[in-house]
């Protein structure tokens, strides 16, 4: 089963500093998501845009997150606008060429 990437982007209304504090406060919740192998937190301070790139072990885990109460709560937070979620399969061979943490076409843990 293919590992899955989820990309989330949104604008935030709060200050950059408060956004960073909130992200740090909720990081442990994401660390305990079933099937999540890692999450990279994104921020563009100038445009007040945040988001994340997630790697899930399989499609089922990624689908479970997409349909979770956690993502629904975040996506309907009035402090966020222009909320977008995309889900992707991974391409092993080109990833190896471009130095992704891959081995034999699978992302390394």
N, C-alpha and C. Protein backbone atom coordinates (compact mmCIF):
# COMPACT_ATOMS: atom_id res chain seq x y z
N UNK A 1 0.84 -1.18 0.00
CA UNK A 1 0.00 0.00 0.00
C UNK A 1 0.89 1.25 0.00
N UNK A 2 0.53 2.22 -0.80
CA UNK A 2 1.34 3.43 -0.98
C UNK A 2 1.23 4.38 0.21
N UNK A 3 2.37 4.91 0.60
CA UNK A 3 2.34 5.96 1.60
C UNK A 3 1.66 7.18 0.99
N UNK A 4 1.11 8.02 1.83
CA UNK A 4 0.32 9.15 1.38
C UNK A 4 0.86 10.46 1.94
N UNK A 5 0.85 11.47 1.10
CA UNK A 5 1.18 12.83 1.51
C UNK A 5 -0.13 13.61 1.58
N UNK A 6 -0.30 14.36 2.64
CA UNK A 6 -1.41 15.31 2.74
C UNK A 6 -0.78 16.69 2.86
N UNK A 7 -1.31 17.60 2.07
CA UNK A 7 -0.85 18.99 2.08
C UNK A 7 -2.03 19.85 2.55
N UNK A 8 -1.80 20.66 3.58
CA UNK A 8 -2.82 21.55 4.11
C UNK A 8 -2.27 22.97 4.07
N UNK A 9 -3.09 23.90 3.57
CA UNK A 9 -2.71 25.31 3.54
C UNK A 9 -3.91 26.16 3.96
N UNK A 10 -3.64 27.29 4.62
CA UNK A 10 -4.69 28.20 5.04
C UNK A 10 -4.08 29.55 5.40
N UNK A 11 -4.91 30.55 5.47
CA UNK A 11 -4.52 31.87 5.99
C UNK A 11 -4.95 31.90 7.45
N UNK A 12 -4.17 32.54 8.30
CA UNK A 12 -4.57 32.69 9.70
C UNK A 12 -4.75 34.17 10.03
N UNK A 13 -5.72 34.44 10.90
CA UNK A 13 -6.07 35.82 11.24
C UNK A 13 -5.29 36.35 12.44
N UNK A 14 -4.85 35.47 13.31
CA UNK A 14 -4.16 35.86 14.54
C UNK A 14 -2.76 36.39 14.22
N UNK A 15 -2.07 36.87 15.22
CA UNK A 15 -0.69 37.32 15.02
C UNK A 15 0.20 36.12 14.73
N UNK A 16 1.32 36.38 14.10
CA UNK A 16 2.29 35.32 13.79
C UNK A 16 2.74 34.66 15.08
N UNK A 17 3.04 35.44 16.08
CA UNK A 17 3.52 34.89 17.36
C UNK A 17 2.47 33.98 17.99
N UNK A 18 1.21 34.41 18.01
CA UNK A 18 0.15 33.56 18.58
C UNK A 18 -0.05 32.29 17.76
N UNK A 19 0.08 32.39 16.44
CA UNK A 19 -0.03 31.20 15.61
C UNK A 19 1.08 30.19 15.97
N UNK A 20 2.29 30.68 16.11
CA UNK A 20 3.41 29.80 16.47
C UNK A 20 3.19 29.13 17.83
N UNK A 21 2.68 29.88 18.79
CA UNK A 21 2.40 29.34 20.12
C UNK A 21 1.32 28.26 20.03
N UNK A 22 0.27 28.53 19.27
CA UNK A 22 -0.81 27.56 19.11
C UNK A 22 -0.33 26.29 18.42
N UNK A 23 0.51 26.45 17.41
CA UNK A 23 1.05 25.28 16.70
C UNK A 23 1.87 24.41 17.65
N UNK A 24 2.72 25.04 18.45
CA UNK A 24 3.54 24.28 19.39
C UNK A 24 2.66 23.56 20.42
N UNK A 25 1.58 24.22 20.83
CA UNK A 25 0.70 23.64 21.84
C UNK A 25 -0.04 22.40 21.33
N UNK A 26 -0.32 22.34 20.05
CA UNK A 26 -1.09 21.22 19.50
C UNK A 26 -0.21 20.17 18.83
N UNK A 27 1.07 20.40 18.76
CA UNK A 27 1.98 19.48 18.05
C UNK A 27 1.90 18.05 18.59
N UNK A 28 1.78 17.90 19.88
CA UNK A 28 1.72 16.56 20.47
C UNK A 28 0.50 15.78 19.99
N UNK A 29 -0.61 16.48 19.76
CA UNK A 29 -1.82 15.82 19.23
C UNK A 29 -1.50 15.19 17.87
N UNK A 30 -0.80 15.94 17.02
CA UNK A 30 -0.44 15.41 15.70
C UNK A 30 0.58 14.28 15.82
N UNK A 31 1.49 14.39 16.76
CA UNK A 31 2.52 13.35 16.93
C UNK A 31 1.89 12.00 17.25
N UNK A 32 0.70 12.01 17.80
CA UNK A 32 0.03 10.76 18.19
C UNK A 32 -1.03 10.29 17.21
N UNK A 33 -1.12 10.91 16.04
CA UNK A 33 -2.09 10.47 15.04
C UNK A 33 -1.71 9.08 14.52
N UNK A 34 -2.65 8.14 14.50
CA UNK A 34 -2.35 6.81 13.98
C UNK A 34 -1.89 6.88 12.51
N UNK A 35 -0.76 6.26 12.25
CA UNK A 35 -0.24 6.17 10.89
C UNK A 35 0.58 7.37 10.44
N UNK A 36 0.61 8.46 11.22
CA UNK A 36 1.41 9.62 10.83
C UNK A 36 2.88 9.32 11.08
N UNK A 37 3.69 9.44 10.03
CA UNK A 37 5.12 9.19 10.17
C UNK A 37 5.87 10.47 10.46
N UNK A 38 5.42 11.58 9.87
CA UNK A 38 5.97 12.90 10.21
C UNK A 38 5.08 14.00 9.66
N UNK A 39 5.26 15.17 10.22
CA UNK A 39 4.58 16.37 9.74
C UNK A 39 5.59 17.50 9.71
N UNK A 40 5.62 18.21 8.62
CA UNK A 40 6.42 19.44 8.52
C UNK A 40 5.44 20.60 8.63
N UNK A 41 5.69 21.49 9.56
CA UNK A 41 4.84 22.65 9.79
C UNK A 41 5.31 23.78 8.87
N UNK A 42 4.36 24.44 8.22
CA UNK A 42 4.68 25.50 7.26
C UNK A 42 4.18 26.85 7.76
N UNK A 43 4.93 27.91 7.45
CA UNK A 43 4.47 29.26 7.75
C UNK A 43 5.11 30.23 6.77
N UNK A 44 4.29 31.16 6.30
CA UNK A 44 4.76 32.32 5.56
C UNK A 44 4.29 33.51 6.38
N UNK A 45 5.20 34.07 7.15
CA UNK A 45 4.84 35.12 8.10
C UNK A 45 4.29 36.36 7.39
N UNK A 46 4.88 36.71 6.28
CA UNK A 46 4.47 37.93 5.56
C UNK A 46 3.02 37.82 5.06
N UNK A 47 2.64 36.66 4.53
CA UNK A 47 1.29 36.47 4.00
C UNK A 47 0.33 35.89 5.03
N UNK A 48 0.85 35.60 6.24
CA UNK A 48 0.07 34.97 7.31
C UNK A 48 -0.60 33.69 6.80
N UNK A 49 0.23 32.87 6.17
CA UNK A 49 -0.23 31.58 5.66
C UNK A 49 0.46 30.47 6.44
N UNK A 50 -0.31 29.48 6.81
CA UNK A 50 0.23 28.34 7.53
C UNK A 50 -0.19 27.05 6.85
N UNK A 51 0.28 25.95 7.40
CA UNK A 51 -0.12 24.66 6.87
C UNK A 51 0.84 23.58 7.28
N UNK A 52 0.76 22.48 6.57
CA UNK A 52 1.63 21.37 6.88
C UNK A 52 1.70 20.38 5.72
N UNK A 53 2.78 19.63 5.73
CA UNK A 53 2.97 18.50 4.83
C UNK A 53 3.09 17.28 5.74
N UNK A 54 2.23 16.31 5.52
CA UNK A 54 2.15 15.13 6.37
C UNK A 54 2.51 13.90 5.54
N UNK A 55 3.22 12.96 6.14
CA UNK A 55 3.43 11.66 5.52
C UNK A 55 2.74 10.61 6.38
N UNK A 56 1.78 9.92 5.76
CA UNK A 56 1.08 8.84 6.43
C UNK A 56 1.56 7.50 5.88
N UNK A 57 1.54 6.48 6.72
CA UNK A 57 2.04 5.16 6.37
C UNK A 57 1.25 4.52 5.23
N UNK A 58 -0.03 4.86 5.13
CA UNK A 58 -0.87 4.23 4.11
C UNK A 58 -2.10 5.09 3.84
N UNK A 59 -2.83 4.71 2.81
CA UNK A 59 -4.01 5.46 2.41
C UNK A 59 -5.08 5.45 3.50
N UNK A 60 -5.26 4.34 4.16
CA UNK A 60 -6.27 4.24 5.21
C UNK A 60 -6.02 5.26 6.32
N UNK A 61 -4.77 5.37 6.77
CA UNK A 61 -4.43 6.33 7.82
C UNK A 61 -4.66 7.77 7.35
N UNK A 62 -4.28 8.06 6.11
CA UNK A 62 -4.48 9.40 5.56
C UNK A 62 -5.97 9.71 5.43
N UNK A 63 -6.74 8.74 4.92
CA UNK A 63 -8.19 8.94 4.80
C UNK A 63 -8.82 9.17 6.17
N UNK A 64 -8.36 8.43 7.16
CA UNK A 64 -8.89 8.59 8.51
C UNK A 64 -8.64 10.01 9.02
N UNK A 65 -7.47 10.55 8.74
CA UNK A 65 -7.18 11.93 9.16
C UNK A 65 -8.06 12.92 8.39
N UNK A 66 -8.18 12.73 7.10
CA UNK A 66 -9.00 13.63 6.27
C UNK A 66 -10.45 13.67 6.79
N UNK A 67 -10.94 12.54 7.29
CA UNK A 67 -12.31 12.44 7.77
C UNK A 67 -12.44 12.59 9.29
N UNK A 68 -11.37 13.02 9.95
CA UNK A 68 -11.36 13.07 11.41
C UNK A 68 -12.03 14.32 11.97
N UNK A 69 -12.45 14.20 13.21
CA UNK A 69 -13.00 15.35 13.94
C UNK A 69 -11.92 16.42 14.12
N UNK A 70 -10.66 16.01 14.27
CA UNK A 70 -9.57 16.97 14.43
C UNK A 70 -9.46 17.88 13.21
N UNK A 71 -9.41 17.29 12.01
CA UNK A 71 -9.28 18.12 10.81
C UNK A 71 -10.54 18.97 10.60
N UNK A 72 -11.69 18.42 10.91
CA UNK A 72 -12.93 19.21 10.79
C UNK A 72 -12.89 20.42 11.72
N UNK A 73 -12.42 20.21 12.95
CA UNK A 73 -12.33 21.30 13.92
C UNK A 73 -11.37 22.38 13.44
N UNK A 74 -10.23 21.96 12.89
CA UNK A 74 -9.24 22.92 12.40
C UNK A 74 -9.77 23.65 11.17
N UNK A 75 -10.37 22.91 10.24
CA UNK A 75 -10.81 23.52 8.98
C UNK A 75 -12.00 24.46 9.16
N UNK A 76 -12.74 24.30 10.25
CA UNK A 76 -13.88 25.19 10.50
C UNK A 76 -13.56 26.25 11.55
N UNK A 77 -12.31 26.31 11.98
CA UNK A 77 -11.89 27.32 12.95
C UNK A 77 -12.08 28.70 12.32
N UNK A 78 -12.82 29.60 12.96
CA UNK A 78 -13.04 30.92 12.38
C UNK A 78 -11.76 31.76 12.26
N UNK A 79 -10.69 31.33 12.90
CA UNK A 79 -9.42 32.03 12.79
C UNK A 79 -8.65 31.69 11.52
N UNK A 80 -9.17 30.73 10.74
CA UNK A 80 -8.52 30.31 9.50
C UNK A 80 -9.45 30.57 8.32
N UNK A 81 -8.88 30.99 7.21
CA UNK A 81 -9.64 31.16 5.97
C UNK A 81 -8.87 30.48 4.84
N UNK A 82 -9.53 30.34 3.70
CA UNK A 82 -8.90 29.74 2.51
C UNK A 82 -8.25 28.40 2.84
N UNK A 83 -8.97 27.56 3.55
CA UNK A 83 -8.46 26.27 3.99
C UNK A 83 -8.51 25.27 2.84
N UNK A 84 -7.37 24.65 2.52
CA UNK A 84 -7.28 23.69 1.42
C UNK A 84 -6.55 22.43 1.89
N UNK A 85 -7.07 21.28 1.49
CA UNK A 85 -6.45 19.98 1.80
C UNK A 85 -6.32 19.20 0.50
N UNK A 86 -5.13 18.66 0.27
CA UNK A 86 -4.88 17.81 -0.90
C UNK A 86 -4.20 16.52 -0.42
N UNK A 87 -4.49 15.43 -1.10
CA UNK A 87 -3.90 14.14 -0.76
C UNK A 87 -3.21 13.57 -2.00
N UNK A 88 -2.02 13.01 -1.80
CA UNK A 88 -1.21 12.50 -2.90
C UNK A 88 -0.62 11.14 -2.55
N UNK A 89 -0.42 10.30 -3.60
CA UNK A 89 0.45 9.12 -3.49
C UNK A 89 1.89 9.63 -3.60
N UNK A 90 2.85 8.79 -3.27
CA UNK A 90 4.26 9.15 -3.42
C UNK A 90 4.85 8.44 -4.64
N UNK A 91 5.81 9.08 -5.29
CA UNK A 91 6.54 8.48 -6.41
C UNK A 91 7.95 8.15 -5.93
N UNK A 92 8.25 6.88 -5.78
CA UNK A 92 9.52 6.46 -5.21
C UNK A 92 10.74 6.75 -6.05
N UNK A 93 10.74 6.31 -7.30
CA UNK A 93 11.94 6.40 -8.14
C UNK A 93 12.43 7.84 -8.33
N UNK A 94 11.58 8.78 -8.75
CA UNK A 94 12.08 10.15 -8.88
C UNK A 94 12.48 10.74 -7.54
N UNK A 95 11.80 10.32 -6.47
CA UNK A 95 12.16 10.81 -5.14
C UNK A 95 13.57 10.40 -4.74
N UNK A 96 13.94 9.18 -5.10
CA UNK A 96 15.31 8.72 -4.80
C UNK A 96 16.31 9.60 -5.53
N UNK A 97 16.04 9.91 -6.78
CA UNK A 97 16.94 10.74 -7.59
C UNK A 97 17.10 12.13 -6.98
N UNK A 98 16.02 12.67 -6.42
CA UNK A 98 16.06 14.04 -5.88
C UNK A 98 16.33 14.07 -4.38
N UNK A 99 16.87 12.97 -3.84
CA UNK A 99 17.36 12.89 -2.46
C UNK A 99 16.27 12.87 -1.39
N UNK A 100 15.06 12.46 -1.75
CA UNK A 100 14.04 12.25 -0.73
C UNK A 100 14.49 11.10 0.17
N UNK A 101 14.02 11.05 1.41
CA UNK A 101 14.44 9.97 2.31
C UNK A 101 13.77 8.66 1.92
N UNK A 102 14.17 8.13 0.74
CA UNK A 102 13.55 6.93 0.19
C UNK A 102 14.57 5.81 0.04
N UNK A 103 14.06 4.60 0.11
CA UNK A 103 14.89 3.43 -0.16
C UNK A 103 13.99 2.42 -0.85
N UNK A 104 14.42 1.93 -1.98
CA UNK A 104 13.63 0.96 -2.76
C UNK A 104 12.24 1.47 -3.06
N UNK A 105 12.11 2.77 -3.28
CA UNK A 105 10.83 3.34 -3.65
C UNK A 105 9.89 3.62 -2.50
N UNK A 106 10.31 3.35 -1.27
CA UNK A 106 9.44 3.61 -0.11
C UNK A 106 10.12 4.65 0.79
N UNK A 107 9.34 5.52 1.33
CA UNK A 107 9.90 6.54 2.22
C UNK A 107 10.43 5.88 3.47
N UNK A 108 11.63 6.26 3.85
CA UNK A 108 12.25 5.70 5.06
C UNK A 108 11.60 6.29 6.30
N UNK A 109 11.48 5.50 7.32
CA UNK A 109 10.93 5.96 8.60
C UNK A 109 12.02 6.54 9.46
